[in-house]
Amino acid sequence: RRFKRLDLEYECASDEFTTYRTLSEPISGIVEERPEYTNVTNGYGLMGSRYFNFIQGVKLGDDSQLELVTGQYTNDLLFCIDGVVGGTLGCD
């Protein structure tokens, strides 16, 4: 197996936004009342932020490639490193 690239997608959110999402989840249990959440002084609403990003084609560094080939969790997946000749690391 040869590792080509990694596509990475992530989302970040402020603590306020995370609290709001947690309180907005479906209710499970007997209690049906939801606590109202606002972080606006003298008003009602939410001031927060979140950010999405998607990065394509991330390549692994040398240490990460070595870990992929020899690591205890991925060793048996038979990855190899392009450009290395011979031994157990190379892609012969």
C-alpha atoms as a PDB file:
ATOM      1  CA  ARG A   1       0.000   0.000   0.000  1.00  0.00           C
ATOM      2  CA  ARG A   2       1.149   3.491  -0.804  1.00  0.00           C
ATOM      3  CA  PHE A   3      -0.132   6.535   1.030  1.00  0.00           C
ATOM      4  CA  LYS A   4      -0.920   9.226  -1.544  1.00  0.00           C
ATOM      5  CA  ARG A   5      -2.608  12.104   0.261  1.00  0.00           C
ATOM      6  CA  LEU A   6      -5.084  13.039   2.951  1.00  0.00           C
ATOM      7  CA  ASP A   7      -8.186  15.219   2.693  1.00  0.00           C
ATOM      8  CA  LEU A   8      -8.888  16.989   5.972  1.00  0.00           C
ATOM      9  CA  GLU A   9     -12.195  18.569   6.964  1.00  0.00           C
ATOM     10  CA  TYR A  10     -12.670  20.320  10.289  1.00  0.00           C
ATOM     11  CA  GLU A  11     -15.079  22.574  12.149  1.00  0.00           C
ATOM     12  CA  CYS A  12     -14.278  24.945  15.007  1.00  0.00           C
ATOM     13  CA  ALA A  13     -16.803  26.711  17.219  1.00  0.00           C
ATOM     14  CA  SER A  14     -16.715  29.125  20.126  1.00  0.00           C
ATOM     15  CA  ASP A  15     -17.692  27.892  23.592  1.00  0.00           C
ATOM     16  CA  GLU A  16     -20.942  29.878  23.370  1.00  0.00           C
ATOM     17  CA  PHE A  17     -21.961  28.190  20.131  1.00  0.00           C
ATOM     18  CA  THR A  18     -21.106  24.753  21.518  1.00  0.00           C
ATOM     19  CA  THR A  19     -23.227  25.407  24.633  1.00  0.00           C
ATOM     20  CA  TYR A  20     -26.150  26.528  22.468  1.00  0.00           C
ATOM     21  CA  ARG A  21     -25.919  23.410  20.272  1.00  0.00           C
ATOM     22  CA  THR A  22     -25.765  21.153  23.327  1.00  0.00           C
ATOM     23  CA  LEU A  23     -28.881  22.759  24.828  1.00  0.00           C
ATOM     24  CA  SER A  24     -30.691  22.547  21.464  1.00  0.00           C
ATOM     25  CA  GLU A  25     -30.262  18.774  21.104  1.00  0.00           C
ATOM     26  CA  PRO A  26     -33.397  16.632  21.202  1.00  0.00           C
ATOM     27  CA  ILE A  27     -34.728  16.005  24.692  1.00  0.00           C
ATOM     28  CA  SER A  28     -34.418  12.470  25.993  1.00  0.00           C
ATOM     29  CA  GLY A  29     -36.267  11.767  29.185  1.00  0.00           C
ATOM     30  CA  ILE A  30     -39.320  12.883  31.095  1.00  0.00           C
ATOM     31  CA  VAL A  31     -38.500  16.594  31.360  1.00  0.00           C
ATOM     32  CA  GLU A  32     -39.652  18.465  28.255  1.00  0.00           C
ATOM     33  CA  GLU A  33     -38.697  21.987  29.257  1.00  0.00           C
ATOM     34  CA  ARG A  34     -35.622  23.424  27.618  1.00  0.00           C
ATOM     35  CA  PRO A  35     -33.466  25.950  29.382  1.00  0.00           C
ATOM     36  CA  GLU A  36     -33.298  29.231  27.476  1.00  0.00           C
ATOM     37  CA  TYR A  37     -29.793  30.182  26.511  1.00  0.00           C
ATOM     38  CA  THR A  38     -28.620  33.659  25.691  1.00  0.00           C
ATOM     39  CA  ASN A  39     -25.291  35.363  26.033  1.00  0.00           C
ATOM     40  CA  VAL A  40     -26.583  38.799  25.028  1.00  0.00           C
ATOM     41  CA  THR A  41     -26.851  41.354  27.849  1.00  0.00           C
ATOM     42  CA  ASN A  42     -30.319  42.970  28.098  1.00  0.00           C
ATOM     43  CA  GLY A  43     -31.612  40.852  25.234  1.00  0.00           C
ATOM     44  CA  TYR A  44     -32.081  37.361  23.904  1.00  0.00           C
ATOM     45  CA  GLY A  45     -29.902  35.654  21.353  1.00  0.00           C
ATOM     46  CA  LEU A  46     -26.539  34.160  20.689  1.00  0.00           C
ATOM     47  CA  MET A  47     -23.267  35.829  19.858  1.00  0.00           C
ATOM     48  CA  GLY A  48     -20.784  33.189  18.811  1.00  0.00           C
ATOM     49  CA  SER A  49     -18.812  31.906  15.882  1.00  0.00           C
ATOM     50  CA  ARG A  50     -17.925  28.797  13.971  1.00  0.00           C
ATOM     51  CA  TYR A  51     -15.583  28.027  11.120  1.00  0.00           C
ATOM     52  CA  PHE A  52     -15.414  25.226   8.559  1.00  0.00           C
ATOM     53  CA  ASN A  53     -12.385  24.343   6.467  1.00  0.00           C
ATOM     54  CA  PHE A  54     -11.501  21.635   3.956  1.00  0.00           C
ATOM     55  CA  ILE A  55      -7.911  20.978   2.922  1.00  0.00           C
ATOM     56  CA  GLN A  56      -7.157  18.618   0.047  1.00  0.00           C
ATOM     57  CA  GLY A  57      -3.971  16.787  -0.803  1.00  0.00           C
ATOM     58  CA  VAL A  58      -2.128  16.899   2.526  1.00  0.00           C
ATOM     59  CA  LYS A  59       1.050  14.822   2.395  1.00  0.00           C
ATOM     60  CA  LEU A  60       2.607  13.110   5.387  1.00  0.00           C
ATOM     61  CA  GLY A  61       5.949  14.192   6.796  1.00  0.00           C
ATOM     62  CA  ASP A  62       8.840  11.738   7.075  1.00  0.00           C
ATOM     63  CA  ASP A  63       8.134  10.835  10.718  1.00  0.00           C
ATOM     64  CA  SER A  64       4.439  10.229   9.985  1.00  0.00           C
ATOM     65  CA  GLN A  65       5.272   8.031   6.984  1.00  0.00           C
ATOM     66  CA  LEU A  66       7.629   5.971   9.120  1.00  0.00           C
ATOM     67  CA  GLU A  67       4.940   5.601  11.797  1.00  0.00           C
ATOM     68  CA  LEU A  68       2.415   4.511   9.160  1.00  0.00           C
ATOM     69  CA  VAL A  69       4.782   1.777   7.938  1.00  0.00           C
ATOM     70  CA  THR A  70       6.144   0.577  11.288  1.00  0.00           C
ATOM     71  CA  GLY A  71       3.591   1.703  13.891  1.00  0.00           C
ATOM     72  CA  GLN A  72       1.905  -0.799  16.180  1.00  0.00           C
ATOM     73  CA  TYR A  73      -1.589  -0.010  14.814  1.00  0.00           C
ATOM     74  CA  THR A  74      -0.749   0.176  11.088  1.00  0.00           C
ATOM     75  CA  ASN A  75       2.230  -2.168  10.702  1.00  0.00           C
ATOM     76  CA  ASP A  76       0.069  -5.083   9.537  1.00  0.00           C
ATOM     77  CA  LEU A  77      -1.565  -2.946   6.789  1.00  0.00           C
ATOM     78  CA  LEU A  78       1.625  -3.283   4.696  1.00  0.00           C
ATOM     79  CA  PHE A  79       2.232   0.359   3.811  1.00  0.00           C
ATOM     80  CA  CYS A  80       5.549   1.262   2.195  1.00  0.00           C
ATOM     81  CA  ILE A  81       7.452   4.468   1.462  1.00  0.00           C
ATOM     82  CA  ASP A  82       8.042   5.513  -2.160  1.00  0.00           C
ATOM     83  CA  GLY A  83      11.667   6.249  -2.999  1.00  0.00           C
ATOM     84  CA  VAL A  84      13.117   3.895  -0.383  1.00  0.00           C
ATOM     85  CA  VAL A  85      14.931   0.942  -1.948  1.00  0.00           C
ATOM     86  CA  GLY A  86      15.022  -2.428  -0.228  1.00  0.00           C
ATOM     87  CA  GLY A  87      14.343  -3.351   3.340  1.00  0.00           C
ATOM     88  CA  THR A  88      10.905  -3.429   4.903  1.00  0.00           C
ATOM     89  CA  LEU A  89      10.192   0.266   4.288  1.00  0.00           C
ATOM     90  CA  GLY A  90      10.567   0.452   0.513  1.00  0.00           C
ATOM     91  CA  CYS A  91       7.982  -0.178  -2.191  1.00  0.00           C
ATOM     92  CA  ASP A  92       9.847  -2.809  -4.255  1.00  0.00           C
END
